[in-house]
Amino acid sequence: MKRILVISDTHCGHMSGLTPPGFQLPSDAVTRVRQHMAEFERKTWDWFAESVARVGKIDALVWNGDILDGKGERSGGTELIMSDRLEQIEMAERIVKLIGAPRVELIYGTPYHVGRDEDWEAVLAERLGCHIGSHEWLDAEGVVVDFKHKVSGSVIPHGRHTAPSRARLWNLLWADRELQPRADIVVRSHAHTFGYSGDARGLAIVTPGLQGWTKYGGRQCEGTVDYGFLTIDCEEGAYQWKPWLMDMRFSAATARTL
């Protein structure tokens, strides 16, 4: 049996990204917003570390893009802990060390976060001595998993299943031309929301992210966010999968009294 841990959208360097101890905001931060984010960073990191420990033996880590947050130009950098991509890479290395998988596979994220003119995630891959790609297929005991970061979102809840289903159909068409491996599971990320669709022939999954809601998201978006990761167990051509999702009600919005 091979167990794959799939994480994505950690956005290292962002205040609501996955933040290891030593990089977290101080609990006595000057502003109320930063105090709230300091609590968020501690609670989400503790949940992640405890959940990874509960997963048990991991054969491979697949980090499906948007590892770093980048410079944060859309918000003028005001949502960042640090904008130095090398420091963000150090945070990512700490996450890999915590997970402790014997094999690591990286997938490129979106240029806005990880470099329009350069690939900062490639720097992380070099440091880790691992493979990085844009669109990859991994065969785990006869189960082929198709990994790519970006998938389209939807402004309607029931439309969220369309894009991953379309990606799965495109894989079948490419495979029919013998130009791609035929995938049993298609994995996409980017949307920061968990969902899946499939039938007897295969499965399409959008992974939850490991970043909470943001100033940009709060002002520009309506959709819900799911926080967590995914495990896939493969054995003799069969597979089981499980989402690991954090209860985010501790950071829920409250109504102000008039």
Protein backbone atom coordinates (compact mmCIF):
# COMPACT_ATOMS: atom_id res chain seq x y z
CA MET A 1 0.00 0.00 0.00
CA LYS A 2 1.20 3.50 -0.88
CA ARG A 3 -0.12 6.53 1.01
CA ILE A 4 0.05 9.94 -0.68
CA LEU A 5 -0.38 13.13 1.32
CA VAL A 6 -1.63 15.99 -0.87
CA ILE A 7 -1.35 19.56 0.36
CA SER A 8 -1.78 22.79 -1.54
CA ASP A 9 -2.22 26.55 -1.29
CA THR A 10 -0.15 26.99 1.85
CA HIS A 11 0.78 30.55 0.79
CA CYS A 12 3.82 30.67 3.06
CA GLY A 13 4.52 34.27 4.03
CA HIS A 14 0.87 35.30 4.20
CA MET A 15 -0.66 36.01 7.61
CA SER A 16 -3.35 33.37 7.06
CA GLY A 17 -1.07 30.89 5.29
CA LEU A 18 0.37 27.80 6.96
CA THR A 19 2.95 29.29 9.31
CA PRO A 20 5.48 27.27 11.35
CA PRO A 21 6.54 28.39 14.83
CA GLY A 22 9.36 30.90 14.69
CA PHE A 23 7.67 32.72 11.82
CA GLN A 24 4.31 33.35 13.48
CA LEU A 25 3.14 36.81 14.45
CA PRO A 26 3.57 37.69 18.16
CA SER A 27 0.43 37.29 20.26
CA ASP A 28 0.92 40.85 21.56
CA ALA A 29 0.97 42.36 18.06
CA VAL A 30 0.10 46.06 17.93
CA THR A 31 -3.14 45.89 15.95
CA ARG A 32 -6.25 43.83 16.69
CA VAL A 33 -6.13 42.36 13.18
CA ARG A 34 -2.60 41.06 13.70
CA GLN A 35 -3.51 39.70 17.14
CA HIS A 36 -6.36 37.78 15.51
CA MET A 37 -4.04 36.48 12.80
CA ALA A 38 -1.44 35.44 15.41
CA GLU A 39 -4.10 33.27 17.08
CA PHE A 40 -5.14 31.91 13.67
CA GLU A 41 -1.55 30.95 12.79
CA ARG A 42 -1.02 29.10 16.07
CA LYS A 43 -4.30 27.18 15.96
CA THR A 44 -4.03 26.17 12.30
CA TRP A 45 -0.40 25.07 12.66
CA ASP A 46 -1.22 23.00 15.76
CA TRP A 47 -4.15 21.36 13.95
CA PHE A 48 -2.01 20.62 10.90
CA ALA A 49 0.85 19.12 12.94
CA GLU A 50 -1.52 16.98 15.00
CA SER A 51 -3.43 15.82 11.91
CA VAL A 52 -0.26 14.84 10.02
CA ALA A 53 0.82 12.82 13.06
CA ARG A 54 -2.56 11.04 12.99
CA VAL A 55 -2.17 10.19 9.29
CA GLY A 56 0.69 7.86 10.16
CA LYS A 57 3.16 6.51 7.62
CA ILE A 58 3.35 8.63 4.46
CA ASP A 59 5.07 7.30 1.33
CA ALA A 60 4.96 10.50 -0.72
CA LEU A 61 4.11 14.17 -0.26
CA VAL A 62 2.62 15.96 -3.27
CA TRP A 63 2.52 19.74 -2.81
CA ASN A 64 0.06 20.87 -5.45
CA GLY A 65 1.05 24.48 -6.00
CA ASP A 66 0.92 27.97 -4.49
CA ILE A 67 3.49 26.99 -1.91
CA LEU A 68 4.53 30.63 -1.41
CA ASP A 69 2.41 33.76 -1.30
CA GLY A 70 4.90 36.05 -3.04
CA LYS A 71 4.97 39.84 -2.79
CA GLY A 72 1.24 40.40 -2.25
CA GLU A 73 0.96 43.28 -4.74
CA ARG A 74 -2.86 43.28 -4.77
CA SER A 75 -2.96 44.27 -1.12
CA GLY A 76 0.24 46.32 -1.10
CA GLY A 77 1.95 43.63 0.95
CA THR A 78 -0.22 44.46 3.98
CA GLU A 79 -1.33 40.83 4.44
CA LEU A 80 2.21 39.43 4.57
CA ILE A 81 4.41 38.32 7.44
CA MET A 82 7.39 38.70 5.12
CA SER A 83 7.76 39.35 1.39
CA ASP A 84 11.25 37.84 0.98
CA ARG A 85 10.70 34.70 -1.09
CA LEU A 86 13.81 33.06 0.38
CA GLU A 87 12.28 33.37 3.85
CA GLN A 88 9.02 31.98 2.50
CA ILE A 89 11.00 29.04 1.14
CA GLU A 90 12.50 28.50 4.60
CA MET A 91 8.96 28.26 5.97
CA ALA A 92 8.13 25.67 3.30
CA GLU A 93 11.21 23.64 4.20
CA ARG A 94 10.00 23.51 7.81
CA ILE A 95 6.66 22.10 6.62
CA VAL A 96 8.40 19.39 4.58
CA LYS A 97 10.55 18.51 7.61
CA LEU A 98 7.46 18.18 9.80
CA ILE A 99 5.77 15.83 7.33
CA GLY A 100 8.89 13.71 6.91
CA ALA A 101 7.86 11.90 3.71
CA PRO A 102 10.65 9.90 2.00
CA ARG A 103 9.56 11.26 -1.40
CA VAL A 104 8.44 14.79 -2.27
CA GLU A 105 6.83 15.95 -5.52
CA LEU A 106 6.15 19.65 -6.18
CA ILE A 107 3.70 21.16 -8.66
CA TYR A 108 4.04 24.74 -9.91
CA GLY A 109 1.42 27.22 -8.70
CA THR A 110 0.12 30.48 -10.13
CA PRO A 111 2.66 33.07 -11.39
CA TYR A 112 1.13 35.89 -9.30
CA HIS A 113 2.21 34.12 -6.11
CA VAL A 114 5.30 32.16 -7.09
CA GLY A 115 6.94 34.34 -9.72
CA ARG A 116 5.94 35.84 -13.04
CA ASP A 117 9.52 36.14 -14.25
CA GLU A 118 11.06 33.31 -12.26
CA ASP A 119 9.93 30.07 -10.61
CA TRP A 120 10.56 30.39 -6.90
CA GLU A 121 9.08 26.96 -6.26
CA ALA A 122 11.93 25.57 -8.40
CA VAL A 123 14.35 27.03 -5.83
CA LEU A 124 12.56 25.01 -3.15
CA ALA A 125 12.73 21.88 -5.32
CA GLU A 126 16.48 22.36 -5.74
CA ARG A 127 16.95 22.74 -1.99
CA LEU A 128 14.90 19.61 -1.32
CA GLY A 129 16.48 17.65 -4.18
CA CYS A 130 13.07 16.69 -5.51
CA HIS A 131 11.15 16.81 -8.79
CA ILE A 132 8.90 19.72 -9.76
CA GLY A 133 6.53 19.88 -12.72
CA SER A 134 3.54 21.72 -14.17
CA HIS A 135 1.31 18.71 -14.91
CA GLU A 136 2.35 15.34 -13.54
CA TRP A 137 1.01 11.77 -13.41
CA LEU A 138 2.07 9.43 -10.62
CA ASP A 139 1.48 5.68 -10.69
CA ALA A 140 1.00 4.32 -7.17
CA GLU A 141 0.54 0.53 -7.23
CA GLY A 142 -1.40 0.68 -10.49
CA VAL A 143 -3.47 3.76 -9.59
CA VAL A 144 -2.64 6.73 -11.84
CA VAL A 145 -3.14 10.14 -10.26
CA ASP A 146 -3.16 13.29 -12.44
CA PHE A 147 -1.85 16.40 -10.62
CA LYS A 148 -2.12 20.01 -11.75
CA HIS A 149 -2.57 23.13 -9.65
CA LYS A 150 -5.07 25.40 -11.31
CA VAL A 151 -8.76 24.76 -11.81
CA SER A 152 -11.52 27.23 -12.56
CA GLY A 153 -13.90 28.30 -9.82
CA SER A 154 -17.57 29.18 -9.98
CA VAL A 155 -19.77 31.94 -8.62
CA ILE A 156 -22.55 29.40 -7.93
CA PRO A 157 -22.11 26.56 -5.41
CA HIS A 158 -23.38 23.78 -7.69
CA GLY A 159 -21.09 24.97 -10.49
CA ARG A 160 -17.96 24.13 -8.55
CA HIS A 161 -18.05 20.55 -9.82
CA THR A 162 -17.97 21.53 -13.49
CA ALA A 163 -14.28 22.45 -13.84
CA PRO A 164 -12.76 19.33 -12.20
CA SER A 165 -15.18 17.13 -14.18
CA ARG A 166 -14.06 18.91 -17.34
CA ALA A 167 -10.41 18.31 -16.44
CA ARG A 168 -11.15 14.61 -16.02
CA LEU A 169 -12.90 14.49 -19.40
CA TRP A 170 -9.96 16.24 -21.09
CA ASN A 171 -7.64 13.63 -19.62
CA LEU A 172 -9.77 10.87 -21.14
CA LEU A 173 -9.62 12.60 -24.55
CA TRP A 174 -5.84 13.08 -24.36
CA ALA A 175 -5.44 9.48 -23.24
CA ASP A 176 -7.56 8.31 -26.17
CA ARG A 177 -4.92 9.89 -28.43
CA GLU A 178 -2.22 8.16 -26.35
CA LEU A 179 -0.71 11.53 -25.43
CA GLN A 180 -1.38 11.36 -21.68
CA PRO A 181 -1.64 8.52 -19.17
CA ARG A 182 -5.26 7.66 -18.43
CA ALA A 183 -5.84 8.82 -14.86
CA ASP A 184 -7.93 7.06 -12.25
CA ILE A 185 -7.92 10.21 -10.10
CA VAL A 186 -7.64 13.82 -11.27
CA VAL A 187 -6.46 16.22 -8.54
CA ARG A 188 -6.71 20.00 -8.79
CA SER A 189 -6.29 22.78 -6.23
CA HIS A 190 -6.22 26.62 -6.39
CA ALA A 191 -9.87 27.19 -5.49
CA HIS A 192 -9.35 26.80 -1.69
CA THR A 193 -12.53 24.75 -1.50
CA PHE A 194 -12.99 21.00 -1.23
CA GLY A 195 -15.19 19.10 -3.67
CA TYR A 196 -15.31 15.95 -5.78
CA SER A 197 -17.21 14.22 -8.54
CA GLY A 198 -16.89 10.90 -10.34
CA ASP A 199 -18.32 7.58 -11.37
CA ALA A 200 -17.26 3.96 -11.75
CA ARG A 201 -14.48 4.96 -14.17
CA GLY A 202 -12.72 7.57 -12.06
CA LEU A 203 -12.69 10.49 -9.68
CA ALA A 204 -12.01 14.24 -9.84
CA ILE A 205 -11.08 16.08 -6.63
CA VAL A 206 -10.42 19.73 -5.78
CA THR A 207 -8.31 19.84 -2.64
CA PRO A 208 -8.97 22.12 0.31
CA GLY A 209 -6.33 24.81 0.84
CA LEU A 210 -4.10 25.60 3.80
CA GLN A 211 -4.80 29.34 3.83
CA GLY A 212 -7.64 31.08 5.62
CA TRP A 213 -9.77 33.92 4.33
CA THR A 214 -7.96 37.13 3.45
CA LYS A 215 -8.53 40.85 3.10
CA TYR A 216 -8.55 40.50 -0.69
CA GLY A 217 -10.91 37.54 -0.51
CA GLY A 218 -13.21 39.29 1.95
CA ARG A 219 -13.59 42.31 -0.29
CA GLN A 220 -13.68 40.56 -3.67
CA CYS A 221 -15.21 37.08 -3.19
CA GLU A 222 -18.35 35.40 -1.86
CA GLY A 223 -17.59 31.68 -1.83
CA THR A 224 -16.81 29.53 1.19
CA VAL A 225 -13.28 28.35 2.01
CA ASP A 226 -12.29 24.84 3.17
CA TYR A 227 -9.11 24.39 5.21
CA GLY A 228 -7.25 21.09 5.16
CA PHE A 229 -5.52 18.46 3.06
CA LEU A 230 -6.06 15.08 1.44
CA THR A 231 -4.72 11.55 1.74
CA ILE A 232 -4.94 8.89 -0.97
CA ASP A 233 -4.21 5.21 -0.23
CA CYS A 234 -3.42 3.01 -3.25
CA GLU A 235 -3.07 -0.77 -3.29
CA GLU A 236 -3.15 -3.24 -6.18
CA GLY A 237 -5.03 -0.93 -8.53
CA ALA A 238 -7.62 0.16 -5.95
CA TYR A 239 -7.74 3.35 -3.93
CA GLN A 240 -9.31 5.02 -0.94
CA TRP A 241 -9.15 8.72 -0.17
CA LYS A 242 -9.91 10.96 2.77
CA PRO A 243 -10.22 14.73 3.25
CA TRP A 244 -8.80 16.11 6.49
CA LEU A 245 -10.78 19.29 7.22
CA MET A 246 -10.41 21.74 10.09
CA ASP A 247 -13.42 23.15 11.91
CA MET A 248 -12.95 26.89 11.30
CA ARG A 249 -15.74 28.16 13.55
CA PHE A 250 -13.20 29.55 16.02
CA SER A 251 -12.55 32.38 13.52
CA ALA A 252 -16.18 32.92 12.48
CA ALA A 253 -17.49 36.41 11.80
CA THR A 254 -19.90 37.93 14.31
CA ALA A 255 -22.60 40.55 13.94
CA ARG A 256 -21.93 44.00 15.39
CA THR A 257 -24.61 45.43 17.63
CA LEU A 258 -26.26 48.69 16.62
